[in-house]
Amino acid sequence: MANIEILREVCAGNEGDWRLCFQWARYHYEDDDPQMGYRFIWRRPDGSLQAARGQARIPSASEMFDLIGQASAAGWFVTAEATRND
């Protein structure tokens, strides 16, 4: 099991609704060095994260590409990888 530290995030949809989010995160594992990576995850209407055993349903390719585009426009998609330590 890992403790996740969210470093960057973009979300689709409106606050107060279910929102699909794309994140750059640091994964802290119990017996290992931290590892960096991207993930898609859902936020509930109250803003909490929906744990889904490592999987998030992505409704369409256009929504996935929109989130990646938002991360690019925010300046952290791909460039965030320069902060890797794994």
C-alpha atoms as a PDB file:
ATOM      1  CA  MET A   1       0.000   0.000   0.000  1.00  0.00           C
ATOM      2  CA  ALA A   2       1.180   3.531  -0.734  1.00  0.00           C
ATOM      3  CA  ASN A   3       0.621   6.953   0.773  1.00  0.00           C
ATOM      4  CA  ILE A   4       0.115   9.411  -2.095  1.00  0.00           C
ATOM      5  CA  GLU A   5       1.411  12.986  -2.044  1.00  0.00           C
ATOM      6  CA  ILE A   6      -0.316  15.020  -4.775  1.00  0.00           C
ATOM      7  CA  LEU A   7       2.119  17.512  -6.301  1.00  0.00           C
ATOM      8  CA  ARG A   8       0.060  18.821  -9.252  1.00  0.00           C
ATOM      9  CA  GLU A   9      -3.585  18.386 -10.252  1.00  0.00           C
ATOM     10  CA  VAL A  10      -6.109  19.433 -12.900  1.00  0.00           C
ATOM     11  CA  CYS A  11      -9.782  18.442 -12.870  1.00  0.00           C
ATOM     12  CA  ALA A  12     -12.680  18.362 -15.318  1.00  0.00           C
ATOM     13  CA  GLY A  13     -16.170  19.373 -14.284  1.00  0.00           C
ATOM     14  CA  ASN A  14     -17.661  21.635 -11.664  1.00  0.00           C
ATOM     15  CA  GLU A  15     -16.959  21.771  -7.944  1.00  0.00           C
ATOM     16  CA  GLY A  16     -19.824  20.133  -6.083  1.00  0.00           C
ATOM     17  CA  ASP A  17     -20.096  17.403  -8.754  1.00  0.00           C
ATOM     18  CA  TRP A  18     -18.074  14.252  -9.387  1.00  0.00           C
ATOM     19  CA  ARG A  19     -14.866  15.354 -11.155  1.00  0.00           C
ATOM     20  CA  LEU A  20     -12.227  13.345 -12.983  1.00  0.00           C
ATOM     21  CA  CYS A  21      -8.742  14.565 -12.037  1.00  0.00           C
ATOM     22  CA  PHE A  22      -5.276  14.037 -13.504  1.00  0.00           C
ATOM     23  CA  GLN A  23      -2.414  14.196 -11.032  1.00  0.00           C
ATOM     24  CA  TRP A  24       1.358  14.128 -10.768  1.00  0.00           C
ATOM     25  CA  ALA A  25       2.143  12.469  -7.463  1.00  0.00           C
ATOM     26  CA  ARG A  26       4.809  11.000  -5.234  1.00  0.00           C
ATOM     27  CA  TYR A  27       4.012   7.440  -4.121  1.00  0.00           C
ATOM     28  CA  HIS A  28       5.399   6.629  -0.658  1.00  0.00           C
ATOM     29  CA  TYR A  29       5.581   2.859  -0.215  1.00  0.00           C
ATOM     30  CA  GLU A  30       6.135   1.203   3.175  1.00  0.00           C
ATOM     31  CA  ASP A  31       9.429  -0.536   2.405  1.00  0.00           C
ATOM     32  CA  ASP A  32      10.712   1.388  -0.610  1.00  0.00           C
ATOM     33  CA  ASP A  33      11.955   4.741  -1.786  1.00  0.00           C
ATOM     34  CA  PRO A  34       9.284   7.125  -3.071  1.00  0.00           C
ATOM     35  CA  GLN A  35       8.341   6.844  -6.733  1.00  0.00           C
ATOM     36  CA  MET A  36       6.844   9.522  -8.967  1.00  0.00           C
ATOM     37  CA  GLY A  37       4.027   9.067 -11.454  1.00  0.00           C
ATOM     38  CA  TYR A  38       0.801  10.258 -13.074  1.00  0.00           C
ATOM     39  CA  ARG A  39      -2.678   9.038 -12.229  1.00  0.00           C
ATOM     40  CA  PHE A  40      -6.322   9.654 -13.022  1.00  0.00           C
ATOM     41  CA  ILE A  41      -8.653   9.673 -10.001  1.00  0.00           C
ATOM     42  CA  TRP A  42     -12.184  10.799  -9.216  1.00  0.00           C
ATOM     43  CA  ARG A  43     -13.062  13.496  -6.674  1.00  0.00           C
ATOM     44  CA  ARG A  44     -16.428  13.170  -4.952  1.00  0.00           C
ATOM     45  CA  PRO A  45     -18.816  16.147  -4.737  1.00  0.00           C
ATOM     46  CA  ASP A  46     -17.404  16.924  -1.255  1.00  0.00           C
ATOM     47  CA  GLY A  47     -13.868  17.148  -2.726  1.00  0.00           C
ATOM     48  CA  SER A  48     -12.543  13.919  -1.203  1.00  0.00           C
ATOM     49  CA  LEU A  49     -10.818  11.328  -3.396  1.00  0.00           C
ATOM     50  CA  GLN A  50     -12.569   8.147  -4.541  1.00  0.00           C
ATOM     51  CA  ALA A  51     -10.317   5.185  -3.811  1.00  0.00           C
ATOM     52  CA  ALA A  52     -10.788   2.592  -6.547  1.00  0.00           C
ATOM     53  CA  ARG A  53      -8.003   0.053  -6.023  1.00  0.00           C
ATOM     54  CA  GLY A  54      -5.723   1.819  -8.482  1.00  0.00           C
ATOM     55  CA  GLN A  55      -8.262   2.289 -11.246  1.00  0.00           C
ATOM     56  CA  ALA A  56     -10.321   5.230 -12.439  1.00  0.00           C
ATOM     57  CA  ARG A  57     -12.959   4.940 -15.162  1.00  0.00           C
ATOM     58  CA  ILE A  58     -12.157   7.456 -17.889  1.00  0.00           C
ATOM     59  CA  PRO A  59     -15.420   8.178 -19.758  1.00  0.00           C
ATOM     60  CA  SER A  60     -13.882   9.144 -23.090  1.00  0.00           C
ATOM     61  CA  ALA A  61     -10.637   9.783 -24.916  1.00  0.00           C
ATOM     62  CA  SER A  62     -11.640  13.432 -25.322  1.00  0.00           C
ATOM     63  CA  GLU A  63     -11.919  13.869 -21.529  1.00  0.00           C
ATOM     64  CA  MET A  64      -8.547  12.197 -21.030  1.00  0.00           C
ATOM     65  CA  PHE A  65      -6.883  14.405 -23.657  1.00  0.00           C
ATOM     66  CA  ASP A  66      -8.607  17.490 -22.227  1.00  0.00           C
ATOM     67  CA  LEU A  67      -7.067  16.841 -18.791  1.00  0.00           C
ATOM     68  CA  ILE A  68      -3.642  16.202 -20.305  1.00  0.00           C
ATOM     69  CA  GLY A  69      -4.047  19.443 -22.273  1.00  0.00           C
ATOM     70  CA  GLN A  70      -4.929  21.324 -19.073  1.00  0.00           C
ATOM     71  CA  ALA A  71      -1.809  19.936 -17.391  1.00  0.00           C
ATOM     72  CA  SER A  72       0.278  21.007 -20.402  1.00  0.00           C
ATOM     73  CA  ALA A  73      -1.248  24.496 -20.356  1.00  0.00           C
ATOM     74  CA  ALA A  74      -0.542  24.725 -16.613  1.00  0.00           C
ATOM     75  CA  GLY A  75       3.100  23.977 -17.428  1.00  0.00           C
ATOM     76  CA  TRP A  76       3.605  20.760 -15.488  1.00  0.00           C
ATOM     77  CA  PHE A  77       2.769  17.837 -17.805  1.00  0.00           C
ATOM     78  CA  VAL A  78       6.016  16.129 -18.850  1.00  0.00           C
ATOM     79  CA  THR A  79       8.128  18.949 -17.338  1.00  0.00           C
ATOM     80  CA  ALA A  80       7.184  17.619 -13.885  1.00  0.00           C
ATOM     81  CA  GLU A  81       9.216  14.533 -14.697  1.00  0.00           C
ATOM     82  CA  ALA A  82      12.397  16.586 -14.181  1.00  0.00           C
ATOM     83  CA  THR A  83      11.596  16.382 -10.444  1.00  0.00           C
ATOM     84  CA  ARG A  84      11.710  12.577 -10.461  1.00  0.00           C
ATOM     85  CA  ASN A  85      13.781  10.812  -7.872  1.00  0.00           C
ATOM     86  CA  ASP A  86      12.926   7.198  -8.716  1.00  0.00           C
END
